[in-house]
Amino acid sequence: MNKNNPHDQSTNSASKPRLEHIAFNVSDPIAAAQWYCEHLGMIVMRSGPPPVNVRFIADSAGKIMFELYYNTAAPVLEFGSFNPLCLHIAFMSDDLKAIRDSLIAAGAIVIDDSTTIPNGDQILMMRDPWGLSIQFVKRAEPMLK
């Protein structure tokens, strides 16, 4: 990464690798990407044709990205059977009640309603319509800028 430009995504042999994306093999990547864009403000950065229908989606700031695709060479995991403490996507939010209510109307379900943990962080755990766990957190002291 270019030290003069923290948004430069190029790499060279002297730099350390940085995370680009995390991938999820899902049954309907087009619908999943559309849901995340409509309800969580994500943006499609790249898409591909059938049968894989890959969608790379990024957060509204373009800082975090994940890949949704359908590849028959690997199983589509039953995300709904995973304990959310084992796997979840986490989003920052200033209003957990509003995001909870909005996503319930959009087909998500609540796993654990908003709680405050000892350090003062507020946490809400939900599942998207495909069963993947989504955590929403309002940090008492933000970790990222």
N, C-alpha and C. Protein backbone atom coordinates (compact mmCIF):
# COMPACT_ATOMS: atom_id res chain seq x y z
N MET A 1 0.85 -1.18 0.00
CA MET A 1 0.00 0.00 0.00
C MET A 1 0.89 1.23 0.00
N ASN A 2 0.51 2.19 -0.75
CA ASN A 2 1.21 3.45 -0.84
C ASN A 2 0.99 4.24 0.45
N LYS A 3 2.06 4.54 1.18
CA LYS A 3 1.93 5.26 2.45
C LYS A 3 1.36 6.67 2.25
N ASN A 4 1.57 7.26 1.07
CA ASN A 4 1.04 8.59 0.79
C ASN A 4 -0.44 8.56 0.45
N ASN A 5 -0.94 7.41 0.05
CA ASN A 5 -2.35 7.27 -0.30
C ASN A 5 -2.89 6.01 0.37
N PRO A 6 -3.52 6.13 1.53
CA PRO A 6 -4.00 4.95 2.25
C PRO A 6 -5.10 4.20 1.52
N HIS A 7 -5.67 4.78 0.45
CA HIS A 7 -6.73 4.12 -0.31
C HIS A 7 -6.18 3.37 -1.53
N ASP A 8 -4.89 3.49 -1.81
CA ASP A 8 -4.25 2.81 -2.93
C ASP A 8 -4.30 1.31 -2.68
N GLN A 9 -4.88 0.55 -3.60
CA GLN A 9 -5.02 -0.89 -3.42
C GLN A 9 -3.89 -1.68 -4.07
N SER A 10 -2.92 -1.01 -4.65
CA SER A 10 -1.81 -1.73 -5.27
C SER A 10 -0.93 -2.35 -4.20
N THR A 11 -0.22 -3.37 -4.58
CA THR A 11 0.70 -4.03 -3.66
C THR A 11 2.07 -4.11 -4.33
N ASN A 12 3.10 -4.24 -3.54
CA ASN A 12 4.43 -4.51 -4.07
C ASN A 12 5.13 -5.44 -3.10
N SER A 13 6.28 -5.95 -3.47
CA SER A 13 6.95 -6.96 -2.66
C SER A 13 7.37 -6.45 -1.29
N ALA A 14 7.49 -5.13 -1.12
CA ALA A 14 7.90 -4.57 0.17
C ALA A 14 6.71 -4.34 1.10
N SER A 15 5.51 -4.38 0.57
CA SER A 15 4.34 -4.11 1.41
C SER A 15 3.74 -5.40 1.94
N LYS A 16 3.00 -5.28 3.01
CA LYS A 16 2.30 -6.43 3.57
C LYS A 16 0.97 -6.59 2.87
N PRO A 17 0.52 -7.83 2.68
CA PRO A 17 -0.79 -8.02 2.07
C PRO A 17 -1.87 -7.42 2.96
N ARG A 18 -2.95 -6.97 2.33
CA ARG A 18 -4.08 -6.50 3.11
C ARG A 18 -5.33 -7.22 2.63
N LEU A 19 -6.25 -7.34 3.52
CA LEU A 19 -7.49 -8.04 3.25
C LEU A 19 -8.24 -7.36 2.11
N GLU A 20 -8.69 -8.16 1.12
CA GLU A 20 -9.51 -7.60 0.05
C GLU A 20 -10.98 -7.98 0.23
N HIS A 21 -11.25 -9.27 0.46
CA HIS A 21 -12.63 -9.70 0.61
C HIS A 21 -12.71 -11.04 1.35
N ILE A 22 -13.92 -11.33 1.80
CA ILE A 22 -14.27 -12.63 2.37
C ILE A 22 -15.39 -13.16 1.50
N ALA A 23 -15.36 -14.46 1.17
CA ALA A 23 -16.33 -15.02 0.22
C ALA A 23 -17.31 -15.97 0.89
N PHE A 24 -18.54 -15.96 0.36
CA PHE A 24 -19.59 -16.85 0.84
C PHE A 24 -20.27 -17.49 -0.37
N ASN A 25 -20.28 -18.82 -0.41
CA ASN A 25 -20.99 -19.56 -1.45
C ASN A 25 -22.45 -19.64 -1.00
N VAL A 26 -23.35 -18.99 -1.73
CA VAL A 26 -24.76 -18.92 -1.35
C VAL A 26 -25.64 -19.38 -2.51
N SER A 27 -26.85 -19.78 -2.19
CA SER A 27 -27.75 -20.32 -3.21
C SER A 27 -28.22 -19.29 -4.23
N ASP A 28 -28.33 -18.03 -3.83
CA ASP A 28 -28.82 -16.99 -4.73
C ASP A 28 -28.03 -15.70 -4.53
N PRO A 29 -26.83 -15.63 -5.12
CA PRO A 29 -25.99 -14.45 -4.90
C PRO A 29 -26.59 -13.14 -5.42
N ILE A 30 -27.38 -13.22 -6.48
CA ILE A 30 -27.99 -12.00 -7.01
C ILE A 30 -28.96 -11.41 -5.99
N ALA A 31 -29.85 -12.25 -5.47
CA ALA A 31 -30.83 -11.77 -4.48
C ALA A 31 -30.14 -11.35 -3.18
N ALA A 32 -29.13 -12.10 -2.76
CA ALA A 32 -28.42 -11.75 -1.52
C ALA A 32 -27.72 -10.40 -1.66
N ALA A 33 -27.04 -10.20 -2.78
CA ALA A 33 -26.35 -8.92 -3.00
C ALA A 33 -27.36 -7.77 -3.04
N GLN A 34 -28.47 -8.00 -3.72
CA GLN A 34 -29.51 -6.96 -3.80
C GLN A 34 -30.04 -6.62 -2.41
N TRP A 35 -30.24 -7.63 -1.56
CA TRP A 35 -30.74 -7.42 -0.20
C TRP A 35 -29.74 -6.57 0.61
N TYR A 36 -28.46 -6.94 0.55
CA TYR A 36 -27.45 -6.19 1.30
C TYR A 36 -27.33 -4.75 0.78
N CYS A 37 -27.47 -4.56 -0.53
CA CYS A 37 -27.41 -3.21 -1.09
C CYS A 37 -28.62 -2.38 -0.67
N GLU A 38 -29.80 -2.96 -0.79
CA GLU A 38 -31.03 -2.23 -0.47
C GLU A 38 -31.15 -1.91 1.01
N HIS A 39 -30.77 -2.85 1.86
CA HIS A 39 -31.06 -2.70 3.29
C HIS A 39 -29.87 -2.29 4.14
N LEU A 40 -28.65 -2.46 3.63
CA LEU A 40 -27.48 -2.10 4.42
C LEU A 40 -26.54 -1.15 3.69
N GLY A 41 -27.00 -0.62 2.57
CA GLY A 41 -26.24 0.42 1.88
C GLY A 41 -24.97 -0.07 1.20
N MET A 42 -24.87 -1.37 0.94
CA MET A 42 -23.68 -1.88 0.27
C MET A 42 -23.76 -1.57 -1.22
N ILE A 43 -22.62 -1.67 -1.89
CA ILE A 43 -22.49 -1.30 -3.29
C ILE A 43 -21.88 -2.46 -4.06
N VAL A 44 -22.46 -2.81 -5.22
CA VAL A 44 -21.88 -3.85 -6.07
C VAL A 44 -20.66 -3.26 -6.76
N MET A 45 -19.50 -3.89 -6.53
CA MET A 45 -18.25 -3.44 -7.13
C MET A 45 -17.95 -4.18 -8.42
N ARG A 46 -18.38 -5.45 -8.49
CA ARG A 46 -18.15 -6.27 -9.68
C ARG A 46 -19.17 -7.38 -9.67
N SER A 47 -19.61 -7.77 -10.86
CA SER A 47 -20.54 -8.89 -10.97
C SER A 47 -20.14 -9.77 -12.14
N GLY A 48 -20.61 -11.00 -12.10
CA GLY A 48 -20.31 -11.95 -13.15
C GLY A 48 -21.56 -12.70 -13.59
N PRO A 49 -21.46 -13.39 -14.71
CA PRO A 49 -22.62 -14.04 -15.32
C PRO A 49 -22.96 -15.40 -14.69
N PRO A 50 -24.11 -15.96 -15.09
CA PRO A 50 -24.47 -17.31 -14.66
C PRO A 50 -23.41 -18.30 -15.13
N PRO A 51 -23.27 -19.44 -14.52
CA PRO A 51 -24.10 -19.91 -13.41
C PRO A 51 -23.60 -19.45 -12.04
N VAL A 52 -22.40 -18.88 -11.97
CA VAL A 52 -21.82 -18.49 -10.68
C VAL A 52 -22.49 -17.22 -10.13
N ASN A 53 -22.83 -16.29 -11.00
CA ASN A 53 -23.51 -15.04 -10.60
C ASN A 53 -22.78 -14.30 -9.48
N VAL A 54 -21.47 -14.25 -9.57
CA VAL A 54 -20.68 -13.62 -8.52
C VAL A 54 -21.04 -12.14 -8.36
N ARG A 55 -21.06 -11.70 -7.10
CA ARG A 55 -21.26 -10.30 -6.77
C ARG A 55 -20.25 -9.94 -5.68
N PHE A 56 -19.37 -8.99 -5.99
CA PHE A 56 -18.48 -8.42 -4.98
C PHE A 56 -19.19 -7.17 -4.48
N ILE A 57 -19.49 -7.13 -3.19
CA ILE A 57 -20.18 -5.97 -2.63
C ILE A 57 -19.32 -5.35 -1.53
N ALA A 58 -19.34 -4.03 -1.50
CA ALA A 58 -18.53 -3.28 -0.53
C ALA A 58 -19.44 -2.44 0.34
N ASP A 59 -18.93 -2.12 1.52
CA ASP A 59 -19.67 -1.21 2.39
C ASP A 59 -19.72 0.17 1.73
N SER A 60 -20.56 1.05 2.26
CA SER A 60 -20.78 2.35 1.64
C SER A 60 -19.51 3.21 1.57
N ALA A 61 -18.53 2.91 2.43
CA ALA A 61 -17.27 3.66 2.39
C ALA A 61 -16.24 3.02 1.46
N GLY A 62 -16.56 1.84 0.91
CA GLY A 62 -15.63 1.15 0.03
C GLY A 62 -14.41 0.60 0.75
N LYS A 63 -14.54 0.31 2.03
CA LYS A 63 -13.40 -0.16 2.83
C LYS A 63 -13.41 -1.66 3.06
N ILE A 64 -14.59 -2.26 3.14
CA ILE A 64 -14.74 -3.68 3.42
C ILE A 64 -15.56 -4.28 2.29
N MET A 65 -15.15 -5.47 1.81
CA MET A 65 -15.85 -6.09 0.70
C MET A 65 -16.02 -7.58 0.95
N PHE A 66 -17.16 -8.12 0.52
CA PHE A 66 -17.28 -9.57 0.48
C PHE A 66 -17.87 -10.01 -0.84
N GLU A 67 -17.62 -11.29 -1.12
CA GLU A 67 -18.01 -11.90 -2.38
C GLU A 67 -19.14 -12.87 -2.12
N LEU A 68 -20.19 -12.75 -2.90
CA LEU A 68 -21.30 -13.69 -2.86
C LEU A 68 -21.32 -14.39 -4.22
N TYR A 69 -21.36 -15.70 -4.22
CA TYR A 69 -21.34 -16.45 -5.48
C TYR A 69 -22.00 -17.79 -5.27
N TYR A 70 -22.29 -18.49 -6.37
CA TYR A 70 -22.84 -19.83 -6.31
C TYR A 70 -21.96 -20.73 -7.16
N ASN A 71 -21.20 -21.60 -6.50
CA ASN A 71 -20.30 -22.51 -7.19
C ASN A 71 -20.66 -23.93 -6.80
N THR A 72 -21.09 -24.72 -7.77
CA THR A 72 -21.53 -26.10 -7.50
C THR A 72 -20.38 -27.02 -7.12
N ALA A 73 -19.14 -26.57 -7.28
CA ALA A 73 -17.99 -27.39 -6.89
C ALA A 73 -17.82 -27.47 -5.37
N ALA A 74 -18.55 -26.62 -4.66
CA ALA A 74 -18.48 -26.61 -3.20
C ALA A 74 -19.91 -26.54 -2.65
N PRO A 75 -20.11 -27.08 -1.46
CA PRO A 75 -21.47 -27.03 -0.90
C PRO A 75 -21.85 -25.62 -0.46
N VAL A 76 -23.14 -25.34 -0.55
CA VAL A 76 -23.67 -24.12 0.06
C VAL A 76 -23.91 -24.50 1.52
N LEU A 77 -23.21 -23.84 2.41
CA LEU A 77 -23.30 -24.17 3.82
C LEU A 77 -24.64 -23.75 4.39
N GLU A 78 -25.08 -24.48 5.39
CA GLU A 78 -26.31 -24.14 6.11
C GLU A 78 -25.96 -23.13 7.18
N PHE A 79 -25.81 -21.86 6.77
CA PHE A 79 -25.38 -20.81 7.69
C PHE A 79 -26.29 -20.70 8.91
N GLY A 80 -27.58 -21.01 8.72
CA GLY A 80 -28.52 -20.94 9.82
C GLY A 80 -28.24 -21.92 10.93
N SER A 81 -27.44 -22.96 10.65
CA SER A 81 -27.10 -23.94 11.68
C SER A 81 -25.84 -23.56 12.45
N PHE A 82 -25.13 -22.53 12.00
CA PHE A 82 -23.91 -22.09 12.67
C PHE A 82 -24.24 -21.24 13.88
N ASN A 83 -23.54 -21.47 14.96
CA ASN A 83 -23.63 -20.58 16.10
C ASN A 83 -23.09 -19.22 15.64
N PRO A 84 -23.82 -18.14 15.85
CA PRO A 84 -23.36 -16.83 15.37
C PRO A 84 -22.03 -16.39 15.98
N LEU A 85 -21.64 -17.00 17.09
CA LEU A 85 -20.34 -16.68 17.67
C LEU A 85 -19.21 -17.32 16.87
N CYS A 86 -19.54 -18.30 16.01
CA CYS A 86 -18.53 -18.94 15.17
C CYS A 86 -18.33 -18.20 13.86
N LEU A 87 -19.39 -17.61 13.33
CA LEU A 87 -19.30 -16.90 12.06
C LEU A 87 -20.38 -15.84 12.00
N HIS A 88 -19.97 -14.61 11.78
CA HIS A 88 -20.92 -13.52 11.56
C HIS A 88 -20.23 -12.39 10.82
N ILE A 89 -21.05 -11.58 10.16
CA ILE A 89 -20.59 -10.35 9.54
C ILE A 89 -21.00 -9.23 10.49
N ALA A 90 -20.10 -8.31 10.78
CA ALA A 90 -20.41 -7.25 11.74
C ALA A 90 -20.45 -5.89 11.05
N PHE A 91 -21.48 -5.13 11.39
CA PHE A 91 -21.66 -3.77 10.89
C PHE A 91 -21.73 -2.82 12.07
N MET A 92 -21.17 -1.62 11.90
CA MET A 92 -21.33 -0.57 12.89
C MET A 92 -22.68 0.11 12.66
N SER A 93 -23.34 0.49 13.73
CA SER A 93 -24.62 1.19 13.61
C SER A 93 -24.80 2.09 14.83
N ASP A 94 -25.37 3.26 14.59
CA ASP A 94 -25.65 4.18 15.68
C ASP A 94 -27.02 3.95 16.29
N ASP A 95 -27.90 3.21 15.59
CA ASP A 95 -29.26 3.01 16.06
C ASP A 95 -29.66 1.55 15.87
N LEU A 96 -29.39 0.73 16.87
CA LEU A 96 -29.66 -0.71 16.76
C LEU A 96 -31.14 -1.02 16.65
N LYS A 97 -31.97 -0.27 17.34
CA LYS A 97 -33.41 -0.52 17.27
C LYS A 97 -33.93 -0.26 15.87
N ALA A 98 -33.51 0.83 15.25
CA ALA A 98 -33.97 1.16 13.90
C ALA A 98 -33.50 0.12 12.89
N ILE A 99 -32.25 -0.32 12.99
CA ILE A 99 -31.76 -1.32 12.04
C ILE A 99 -32.47 -2.64 12.26
N ARG A 100 -32.70 -3.01 13.53
CA ARG A 100 -33.44 -4.24 13.83
C ARG A 100 -34.83 -4.20 13.20
N ASP A 101 -35.57 -3.14 13.44
CA ASP A 101 -36.94 -3.04 12.92
C ASP A 101 -36.96 -3.05 11.39
N SER A 102 -36.03 -2.34 10.79
CA SER A 102 -35.94 -2.26 9.34
C SER A 102 -35.64 -3.64 8.73
N LEU A 103 -34.70 -4.35 9.32
CA LEU A 103 -34.31 -5.65 8.76
C LEU A 103 -35.33 -6.74 9.03
N ILE A 104 -36.05 -6.66 10.13
CA ILE A 104 -37.15 -7.61 10.36
C ILE A 104 -38.17 -7.46 9.23
N ALA A 105 -38.48 -6.22 8.87
CA ALA A 105 -39.42 -5.97 7.78
C ALA A 105 -38.88 -6.47 6.44
N ALA A 106 -37.56 -6.61 6.34
CA ALA A 106 -36.92 -7.06 5.10
C ALA A 106 -36.62 -8.56 5.10
N GLY A 107 -37.11 -9.28 6.12
CA GLY A 107 -36.95 -10.74 6.12
C GLY A 107 -35.88 -11.29 7.02
N ALA A 108 -35.16 -10.45 7.76
CA ALA A 108 -34.16 -10.94 8.70
C ALA A 108 -34.85 -11.34 10.01
N ILE A 109 -34.15 -12.12 10.81
CA ILE A 109 -34.69 -12.50 12.12
C ILE A 109 -33.68 -12.12 13.21
N VAL A 110 -34.20 -11.88 14.39
CA VAL A 110 -33.36 -11.55 15.54
C VAL A 110 -32.90 -12.85 16.20
N ILE A 111 -31.62 -12.94 16.47
CA ILE A 111 -31.07 -14.07 17.23
C ILE A 111 -30.95 -13.65 18.69
N ASP A 112 -30.27 -12.54 18.94
CA ASP A 112 -30.13 -11.96 20.28
C ASP A 112 -30.39 -10.47 20.16
N ASP A 113 -31.42 -10.00 20.87
CA ASP A 113 -31.74 -8.58 20.79
C ASP A 113 -30.63 -7.76 21.43
N SER A 114 -30.70 -6.49 21.23
CA SER A 114 -29.66 -5.57 21.68
C SER A 114 -29.34 -5.73 23.16
N THR A 115 -28.06 -5.92 23.43
CA THR A 115 -27.57 -6.00 24.80
C THR A 115 -26.33 -5.11 24.92
N THR A 116 -26.06 -4.69 26.13
CA THR A 116 -24.86 -3.90 26.39
C THR A 116 -23.89 -4.79 27.16
N ILE A 117 -22.67 -4.92 26.64
CA ILE A 117 -21.66 -5.75 27.29
C ILE A 117 -20.84 -4.89 28.25
N PRO A 118 -20.05 -5.50 29.14
CA PRO A 118 -19.34 -4.74 30.18
C PRO A 118 -18.52 -3.54 29.72
N ASN A 119 -17.95 -3.57 28.51
CA ASN A 119 -17.15 -2.42 28.07
C ASN A 119 -18.01 -1.28 27.52
N GLY A 120 -19.35 -1.46 27.52
CA GLY A 120 -20.25 -0.41 27.07
C GLY A 120 -20.73 -0.55 25.64
N ASP A 121 -20.17 -1.49 24.88
CA ASP A 121 -20.63 -1.73 23.51
C ASP A 121 -22.04 -2.29 23.53
N GLN A 122 -22.85 -1.87 22.58
CA GLN A 122 -24.19 -2.43 22.39
C GLN A 122 -24.14 -3.36 21.18
N ILE A 123 -24.70 -4.56 21.34
CA ILE A 123 -24.61 -5.58 20.29
C ILE A 123 -25.99 -6.16 20.00
N LEU A 124 -26.29 -6.31 18.72
CA LEU A 124 -27.51 -6.94 18.23
C LEU A 124 -27.10 -8.02 17.25
N MET A 125 -27.67 -9.23 17.38
CA MET A 125 -27.33 -10.31 16.47
C MET A 125 -28.58 -10.75 15.71
N MET A 126 -28.46 -10.80 14.37
CA MET A 126 -29.58 -11.18 13.51
C MET A 126 -29.11 -12.20 12.48
N ARG A 127 -30.05 -12.74 11.72
CA ARG A 127 -29.73 -13.58 10.57
C ARG A 127 -30.38 -12.97 9.33
N ASP A 128 -29.63 -12.96 8.23
CA ASP A 128 -30.20 -12.50 6.97
C ASP A 128 -31.15 -13.58 6.43
N PRO A 129 -31.88 -13.32 5.36
CA PRO A 129 -32.83 -14.31 4.85
C PRO A 129 -32.18 -15.63 4.39
N TRP A 130 -30.86 -15.68 4.25
CA TRP A 130 -30.15 -16.90 3.84
C TRP A 130 -29.51 -17.59 5.04
N GLY A 131 -29.74 -17.07 6.23
CA GLY A 131 -29.26 -17.71 7.45
C GLY A 131 -27.93 -17.21 7.97
N LEU A 132 -27.25 -16.37 7.22
CA LEU A 132 -25.95 -15.87 7.66
C LEU A 132 -26.14 -14.88 8.81
N SER A 133 -25.35 -15.04 9.84
CA SER A 133 -25.46 -14.17 11.02
C SER A 133 -24.86 -12.80 10.74
N ILE A 134 -25.59 -11.79 11.16
CA ILE A 134 -25.13 -10.41 11.03
C ILE A 134 -25.17 -9.78 12.42
N GLN A 135 -24.05 -9.24 12.82
CA GLN A 135 -23.97 -8.54 14.10
C GLN A 135 -23.98 -7.04 13.82
N PHE A 136 -24.71 -6.30 14.65
CA PHE A 136 -24.70 -4.85 14.59
C PHE A 136 -24.16 -4.37 15.92
N VAL A 137 -23.22 -3.45 15.84
CA VAL A 137 -22.57 -3.00 17.07
C VAL A 137 -22.50 -1.48 17.10
N LYS A 138 -22.81 -0.97 18.27
CA LYS A 138 -22.60 0.45 18.55
C LYS A 138 -21.51 0.47 19.62
N ARG A 139 -20.32 0.85 19.20
CA ARG A 139 -19.17 0.81 20.10
C ARG A 139 -19.20 1.98 21.08
N ALA A 140 -18.89 1.70 22.32
CA ALA A 140 -18.74 2.76 23.32
C ALA A 140 -17.54 3.63 22.93
N GLU A 141 -16.53 2.98 22.39
CA GLU A 141 -15.34 3.65 21.90
C GLU A 141 -14.99 3.06 20.54
N PRO A 142 -15.23 3.80 19.45
CA PRO A 142 -15.02 3.24 18.12
C PRO A 142 -13.63 2.66 17.92
N MET A 143 -13.57 1.52 17.20
CA MET A 143 -12.29 0.89 16.90
C MET A 143 -11.77 1.30 15.54
N LEU A 144 -12.66 1.63 14.61
CA LEU A 144 -12.27 2.06 13.28
C LEU A 144 -12.73 3.48 13.04
N LYS A 145 -12.02 4.19 12.21
CA LYS A 145 -12.39 5.57 11.89
C LYS A 145 -13.30 5.60 10.69
